[in-house]
C-alpha cells in the first residue's frame, strides 16, 4: 500500500527509503520536464540528478505551503535549467539527420518540417515561457506551475495565454520564412537571383 506523501516527506530527512520513494514517484516527470528544456539526454540526466540531490539536502528545511511536493521539485529543476541555459553558449538545435530523404516520404518530410518550425518557435521563447509550456504539456495545474515559477496563479494564466498567442505568431512567421527558403532551395542555384 502506498504511503501518503506527507508521511514520506516527514520521514525523508532521516529515512533514505522514504526519500527513495519520493524519488521514484517524481523522477520520470522531473526528467521529462528537464529533457524538454535542455534537449539532450546527458544534460537532462545530470540536471535531474542534481535536482534530487538538492532536494535531499533541502528536506530538513522543506516547508509545506499547501502546494504539492512536486511543485517544489519543479522549482529546483527550473532554477537548475535556468543556470544551465545561462552557462551555455549554444542553443539546442533540431537534428535534420532524422528527416527522410526519399521523395516518396513527402508527407513525413512536411510533418517533420512543421515540428521543426514549432520547436524553433518554442526555443525562441523566454525561458519562463518554455518552462510554462512544458509543465502544461505534462498536465501540471496552474497552482503547481505558479509555485514552480514563483508567480501567482493569475499571472500563470495570463502568461499562458500571452505565450500561446506569441507562439502562434512565431510559428506563422517561421512558416512563411521556411516556405520561402524551401521554394528557393527546390528551385536550385541561380534561379532565385543569387549568383554562384
C-alpha atoms as a PDB file:
ATOM      1  CA  UNK A   1       0.000   0.000   0.000  1.00  0.00           C
ATOM      2  CA  UNK A   2       1.320   3.448  -0.946  1.00  0.00           C
ATOM      3  CA  UNK A   3       2.086   5.719   1.951  1.00  0.00           C
ATOM      4  CA  UNK A   4       0.718   9.242   1.878  1.00  0.00           C
ATOM      5  CA  UNK A   5       3.266  11.676   0.515  1.00  0.00           C
ATOM      6  CA  UNK A   6       3.101  13.820   3.655  1.00  0.00           C
ATOM      7  CA  UNK A   7       4.359  10.864   5.738  1.00  0.00           C
ATOM      8  CA  UNK A   8       7.203  10.218   3.314  1.00  0.00           C
ATOM      9  CA  UNK A   9       8.201  13.888   3.399  1.00  0.00           C
ATOM     10  CA  UNK A  10       8.233  13.885   7.211  1.00  0.00           C
ATOM     11  CA  UNK A  11      10.461  10.789   7.282  1.00  0.00           C
ATOM     12  CA  UNK A  12      12.698  11.686   4.327  1.00  0.00           C
ATOM     13  CA  UNK A  13      15.287  13.625   6.328  1.00  0.00           C
ATOM     14  CA  UNK A  14      16.226  10.555   8.373  1.00  0.00           C
ATOM     15  CA  UNK A  15      14.959   7.623   6.313  1.00  0.00           C
ATOM     16  CA  UNK A  16      16.677   7.039   2.949  1.00  0.00           C
ATOM     17  CA  UNK A  17      13.899   4.646   1.913  1.00  0.00           C
ATOM     18  CA  UNK A  18      11.303   7.400   2.325  1.00  0.00           C
ATOM     19  CA  UNK A  19      13.290   9.766   0.125  1.00  0.00           C
ATOM     20  CA  UNK A  20      13.822   6.917  -2.326  1.00  0.00           C
ATOM     21  CA  UNK A  21      10.057   6.505  -2.606  1.00  0.00           C
ATOM     22  CA  UNK A  22       9.626  10.247  -3.216  1.00  0.00           C
ATOM     23  CA  UNK A  23      12.303   9.974  -5.890  1.00  0.00           C
ATOM     24  CA  UNK A  24      10.547   7.004  -7.516  1.00  0.00           C
ATOM     25  CA  UNK A  25       7.227   8.866  -7.593  1.00  0.00           C
ATOM     26  CA  UNK A  26       8.595  12.037  -9.199  1.00  0.00           C
ATOM     27  CA  UNK A  27      11.756  11.243 -11.168  1.00  0.00           C
ATOM     28  CA  UNK A  28      10.076  10.495 -14.505  1.00  0.00           C
ATOM     29  CA  UNK A  29       8.119  13.755 -14.637  1.00  0.00           C
ATOM     30  CA  UNK A  30      11.084  15.845 -13.483  1.00  0.00           C
ATOM     31  CA  UNK A  31      13.354  14.169 -16.039  1.00  0.00           C
ATOM     32  CA  UNK A  32      10.786  14.740 -18.798  1.00  0.00           C
ATOM     33  CA  UNK A  33      10.499  18.414 -17.852  1.00  0.00           C
ATOM     34  CA  UNK A  34      14.273  18.877 -17.819  1.00  0.00           C
ATOM     35  CA  UNK A  35      14.771  16.953 -21.059  1.00  0.00           C
ATOM     36  CA  UNK A  36      12.218  19.119 -22.882  1.00  0.00           C
ATOM     37  CA  UNK A  37      14.027  22.223 -21.635  1.00  0.00           C
ATOM     38  CA  UNK A  38      17.623  21.217 -22.440  1.00  0.00           C
ATOM     39  CA  UNK A  39      17.126  18.900 -25.400  1.00  0.00           C
ATOM     40  CA  UNK A  40      19.742  16.244 -24.703  1.00  0.00           C
ATOM     41  CA  UNK A  41      19.845  13.111 -22.593  1.00  0.00           C
ATOM     42  CA  UNK A  42      23.199  13.624 -20.889  1.00  0.00           C
ATOM     43  CA  UNK A  43      22.432  17.092 -19.548  1.00  0.00           C
ATOM     44  CA  UNK A  44      18.860  16.087 -18.663  1.00  0.00           C
ATOM     45  CA  UNK A  45      20.125  13.152 -16.596  1.00  0.00           C
ATOM     46  CA  UNK A  46      22.718  15.346 -14.881  1.00  0.00           C
ATOM     47  CA  UNK A  47      20.249  18.124 -14.046  1.00  0.00           C
ATOM     48  CA  UNK A  48      17.644  15.619 -12.840  1.00  0.00           C
ATOM     49  CA  UNK A  49      20.217  14.017 -10.539  1.00  0.00           C
ATOM     50  CA  UNK A  50      21.243  17.430  -9.215  1.00  0.00           C
ATOM     51  CA  UNK A  51      17.578  18.328  -8.675  1.00  0.00           C
ATOM     52  CA  UNK A  52      17.049  15.353  -6.402  1.00  0.00           C
ATOM     53  CA  UNK A  53      20.399  15.849  -4.689  1.00  0.00           C
ATOM     54  CA  UNK A  54      19.419  19.428  -3.839  1.00  0.00           C
ATOM     55  CA  UNK A  55      16.006  18.213  -2.712  1.00  0.00           C
ATOM     56  CA  UNK A  56      17.660  15.654  -0.432  1.00  0.00           C
ATOM     57  CA  UNK A  57      19.895  18.347   1.058  1.00  0.00           C
ATOM     58  CA  UNK A  58      16.920  20.683   1.466  1.00  0.00           C
ATOM     59  CA  UNK A  59      14.489  18.205   3.043  1.00  0.00           C
ATOM     60  CA  UNK A  60      15.331  19.424   6.544  1.00  0.00           C
ATOM     61  CA  UNK A  61      14.222  22.949   5.616  1.00  0.00           C
ATOM     62  CA  UNK A  62      11.280  21.993   3.372  1.00  0.00           C
ATOM     63  CA  UNK A  63       8.052  23.684   4.453  1.00  0.00           C
ATOM     64  CA  UNK A  64       4.672  22.570   3.144  1.00  0.00           C
ATOM     65  CA  UNK A  65       2.869  25.696   1.967  1.00  0.00           C
ATOM     66  CA  UNK A  66      -0.133  23.761   0.701  1.00  0.00           C
ATOM     67  CA  UNK A  67       1.233  23.180  -2.793  1.00  0.00           C
ATOM     68  CA  UNK A  68       2.143  19.679  -3.941  1.00  0.00           C
ATOM     69  CA  UNK A  69       5.656  18.447  -3.177  1.00  0.00           C
ATOM     70  CA  UNK A  70       6.226  18.127  -6.929  1.00  0.00           C
ATOM     71  CA  UNK A  71       5.926  21.910  -7.296  1.00  0.00           C
ATOM     72  CA  UNK A  72       8.969  22.301  -5.039  1.00  0.00           C
ATOM     73  CA  UNK A  73      10.894  19.776  -7.148  1.00  0.00           C
ATOM     74  CA  UNK A  74       9.915  21.592 -10.344  1.00  0.00           C
ATOM     75  CA  UNK A  75      11.115  24.854  -8.800  1.00  0.00           C
ATOM     76  CA  UNK A  76      14.523  23.322  -8.078  1.00  0.00           C
ATOM     77  CA  UNK A  77      14.682  21.838 -11.591  1.00  0.00           C
ATOM     78  CA  UNK A  78      13.569  25.132 -13.144  1.00  0.00           C
ATOM     79  CA  UNK A  79      16.377  27.006 -11.381  1.00  0.00           C
ATOM     80  CA  UNK A  80      18.978  24.434 -12.430  1.00  0.00           C
ATOM     81  CA  UNK A  81      17.760  24.567 -16.046  1.00  0.00           C
ATOM     82  CA  UNK A  82      17.926  28.373 -15.972  1.00  0.00           C
ATOM     83  CA  UNK A  83      21.523  28.139 -14.721  1.00  0.00           C
ATOM     84  CA  UNK A  84      22.323  25.588 -17.444  1.00  0.00           C
ATOM     85  CA  UNK A  85      20.950  27.907 -20.146  1.00  0.00           C
ATOM     86  CA  UNK A  86      22.947  30.817 -18.747  1.00  0.00           C
ATOM     87  CA  UNK A  87      26.103  28.717 -18.907  1.00  0.00           C
ATOM     88  CA  UNK A  88      25.523  27.551 -22.472  1.00  0.00           C
ATOM     89  CA  UNK A  89      26.963  29.401 -25.414  1.00  0.00           C
ATOM     90  CA  UNK A  90      24.911  27.376 -27.857  1.00  0.00           C
ATOM     91  CA  UNK A  91      21.188  26.816 -28.245  1.00  0.00           C
ATOM     92  CA  UNK A  92      19.534  23.477 -28.871  1.00  0.00           C
ATOM     93  CA  UNK A  93      19.054  22.592 -32.489  1.00  0.00           C
ATOM     94  CA  UNK A  94      16.689  20.251 -34.231  1.00  0.00           C
ATOM     95  CA  UNK A  95      18.588  17.429 -35.902  1.00  0.00           C
ATOM     96  CA  UNK A  96      17.979  17.207 -39.639  1.00  0.00           C
ATOM     97  CA  UNK A  97      19.549  13.736 -39.809  1.00  0.00           C
ATOM     98  CA  UNK A  98      16.235  12.161 -38.823  1.00  0.00           C
ATOM     99  CA  UNK A  99      14.417  13.659 -41.806  1.00  0.00           C
ATOM    100  CA  UNK A 100      13.592  11.143 -44.515  1.00  0.00           C
ATOM    101  CA  UNK A 101      15.179  11.955 -47.862  1.00  0.00           C
ATOM    102  CA  UNK A 102      13.225   9.784 -50.282  1.00  0.00           C
ATOM    103  CA  UNK A 103      10.735  11.684 -52.468  1.00  0.00           C
ATOM    104  CA  UNK A 104       8.015   9.166 -51.590  1.00  0.00           C
ATOM    105  CA  UNK A 105       8.147  10.389 -48.000  1.00  0.00           C
ATOM    106  CA  UNK A 106       6.904  13.915 -48.775  1.00  0.00           C
ATOM    107  CA  UNK A 107       4.201  13.784 -46.101  1.00  0.00           C
ATOM    108  CA  UNK A 108       6.732  12.726 -43.461  1.00  0.00           C
ATOM    109  CA  UNK A 109       9.136  15.464 -44.530  1.00  0.00           C
ATOM    110  CA  UNK A 110       6.349  18.044 -44.379  1.00  0.00           C
ATOM    111  CA  UNK A 111       5.324  16.908 -40.898  1.00  0.00           C
ATOM    112  CA  UNK A 112       8.945  16.900 -39.670  1.00  0.00           C
ATOM    113  CA  UNK A 113       9.426  20.425 -41.023  1.00  0.00           C
ATOM    114  CA  UNK A 114       6.261  21.561 -39.232  1.00  0.00           C
ATOM    115  CA  UNK A 115       7.578  20.033 -35.998  1.00  0.00           C
ATOM    116  CA  UNK A 116      10.916  21.750 -36.576  1.00  0.00           C
ATOM    117  CA  UNK A 117       9.108  25.064 -37.039  1.00  0.00           C
ATOM    118  CA  UNK A 118       7.215  24.638 -33.768  1.00  0.00           C
ATOM    119  CA  UNK A 119      10.375  23.539 -31.926  1.00  0.00           C
ATOM    120  CA  UNK A 120      12.280  26.551 -33.265  1.00  0.00           C
ATOM    121  CA  UNK A 121       9.453  28.872 -32.214  1.00  0.00           C
ATOM    122  CA  UNK A 122       9.338  27.382 -28.710  1.00  0.00           C
ATOM    123  CA  UNK A 123      13.114  27.620 -28.279  1.00  0.00           C
ATOM    124  CA  UNK A 124      12.909  31.307 -29.218  1.00  0.00           C
ATOM    125  CA  UNK A 125      10.560  31.986 -26.298  1.00  0.00           C
ATOM    126  CA  UNK A 126      11.860  33.271 -22.981  1.00  0.00           C
ATOM    127  CA  UNK A 127      12.936  30.580 -20.532  1.00  0.00           C
ATOM    128  CA  UNK A 128       9.951  31.014 -18.204  1.00  0.00           C
ATOM    129  CA  UNK A 129       7.555  30.670 -21.138  1.00  0.00           C
ATOM    130  CA  UNK A 130       9.282  27.480 -22.309  1.00  0.00           C
ATOM    131  CA  UNK A 131       9.028  26.110 -18.777  1.00  0.00           C
ATOM    132  CA  UNK A 132       5.346  27.011 -18.632  1.00  0.00           C
ATOM    133  CA  UNK A 133       4.589  25.169 -21.877  1.00  0.00           C
ATOM    134  CA  UNK A 134       6.442  22.034 -20.785  1.00  0.00           C
ATOM    135  CA  UNK A 135       4.679  21.985 -17.415  1.00  0.00           C
ATOM    136  CA  UNK A 136       1.276  22.491 -19.092  1.00  0.00           C
ATOM    137  CA  UNK A 137       2.093  19.668 -21.513  1.00  0.00           C
ATOM    138  CA  UNK A 138       2.870  17.436 -18.531  1.00  0.00           C
ATOM    139  CA  UNK A 139      -0.526  18.232 -17.025  1.00  0.00           C
ATOM    140  CA  UNK A 140       0.548  20.332 -14.048  1.00  0.00           C
ATOM    141  CA  UNK A 141      -2.121  22.553 -12.535  1.00  0.00           C
ATOM    142  CA  UNK A 142      -1.844  26.328 -12.577  1.00  0.00           C
ATOM    143  CA  UNK A 143      -1.171  26.186  -8.822  1.00  0.00           C
ATOM    144  CA  UNK A 144       1.770  23.800  -9.287  1.00  0.00           C
ATOM    145  CA  UNK A 145       3.158  25.915 -12.113  1.00  0.00           C
ATOM    146  CA  UNK A 146       2.733  29.090 -10.060  1.00  0.00           C
ATOM    147  CA  UNK A 147       4.771  27.623  -7.197  1.00  0.00           C
ATOM    148  CA  UNK A 148       7.410  26.314  -9.598  1.00  0.00           C
ATOM    149  CA  UNK A 149       7.807  29.648 -11.372  1.00  0.00           C
ATOM    150  CA  UNK A 150       7.372  31.804  -8.268  1.00  0.00           C
ATOM    151  CA  UNK A 151       4.277  33.577  -9.620  1.00  0.00           C
ATOM    152  CA  UNK A 152       0.608  33.845  -8.763  1.00  0.00           C
ATOM    153  CA  UNK A 153      -1.963  31.606 -10.435  1.00  0.00           C
ATOM    154  CA  UNK A 154      -3.460  34.648 -12.175  1.00  0.00           C
ATOM    155  CA  UNK A 155      -0.020  35.555 -13.540  1.00  0.00           C
ATOM    156  CA  UNK A 156       0.428  31.984 -14.819  1.00  0.00           C
ATOM    157  CA  UNK A 157      -2.950  32.082 -16.606  1.00  0.00           C
ATOM    158  CA  UNK A 158      -2.113  35.427 -18.194  1.00  0.00           C
ATOM    159  CA  UNK A 159       1.407  34.317 -19.170  1.00  0.00           C
ATOM    160  CA  UNK A 160       0.000  31.122 -20.693  1.00  0.00           C
ATOM    161  CA  UNK A 161      -2.441  32.991 -22.912  1.00  0.00           C
ATOM    162  CA  UNK A 162       0.223  35.513 -23.970  1.00  0.00           C
ATOM    163  CA  UNK A 163       2.662  32.672 -24.639  1.00  0.00           C
ATOM    164  CA  UNK A 164       0.208  30.800 -26.852  1.00  0.00           C
ATOM    165  CA  UNK A 165      -0.535  33.974 -28.800  1.00  0.00           C
ATOM    166  CA  UNK A 166       3.169  34.759 -29.190  1.00  0.00           C
ATOM    167  CA  UNK A 167       3.890  31.162 -30.188  1.00  0.00           C
ATOM    168  CA  UNK A 168       1.160  31.229 -32.827  1.00  0.00           C
ATOM    169  CA  UNK A 169       2.633  34.449 -34.281  1.00  0.00           C
ATOM    170  CA  UNK A 170       6.161  32.998 -34.283  1.00  0.00           C
ATOM    171  CA  UNK A 171       5.073  29.772 -35.970  1.00  0.00           C
ATOM    172  CA  UNK A 172       3.184  31.722 -38.619  1.00  0.00           C
ATOM    173  CA  UNK A 173       6.221  33.918 -39.220  1.00  0.00           C
ATOM    174  CA  UNK A 174       8.649  30.985 -39.316  1.00  0.00           C
ATOM    175  CA  UNK A 175       6.311  29.024 -41.587  1.00  0.00           C
ATOM    176  CA  UNK A 176       6.455  31.866 -44.107  1.00  0.00           C
ATOM    177  CA  UNK A 177      10.251  32.050 -43.939  1.00  0.00           C
ATOM    178  CA  UNK A 178      10.575  28.265 -44.122  1.00  0.00           C
ATOM    179  CA  UNK A 179       8.265  28.043 -47.122  1.00  0.00           C
ATOM    180  CA  UNK A 180      10.233  30.758 -48.956  1.00  0.00           C
ATOM    181  CA  UNK A 181      13.571  29.114 -48.147  1.00  0.00           C
ATOM    182  CA  UNK A 182      12.294  25.710 -49.252  1.00  0.00           C
ATOM    183  CA  UNK A 183      10.949  27.109 -52.514  1.00  0.00           C
ATOM    184  CA  UNK A 184      14.280  28.800 -53.254  1.00  0.00           C
ATOM    185  CA  UNK A 185      16.173  25.606 -52.418  1.00  0.00           C
ATOM    186  CA  UNK A 186      13.915  23.483 -54.624  1.00  0.00           C
ATOM    187  CA  UNK A 187      14.284  25.951 -57.495  1.00  0.00           C
ATOM    188  CA  UNK A 188      18.026  25.396 -57.456  1.00  0.00           C
ATOM    189  CA  UNK A 189      21.052  27.724 -57.560  1.00  0.00           C
ATOM    190  CA  UNK A 190      20.811  30.842 -59.645  1.00  0.00           C
ATOM    191  CA  UNK A 191      17.029  30.698 -60.083  1.00  0.00           C
ATOM    192  CA  UNK A 192      16.270  32.999 -57.148  1.00  0.00           C
ATOM    193  CA  UNK A 193      18.620  35.656 -58.490  1.00  0.00           C
ATOM    194  CA  UNK A 194      21.626  34.538 -56.453  1.00  0.00           C
ATOM    195  CA  UNK A 195      24.858  34.147 -58.370  1.00  0.00           C
ATOM    196  CA  UNK A 196      27.303  31.344 -57.503  1.00  0.00           C
END
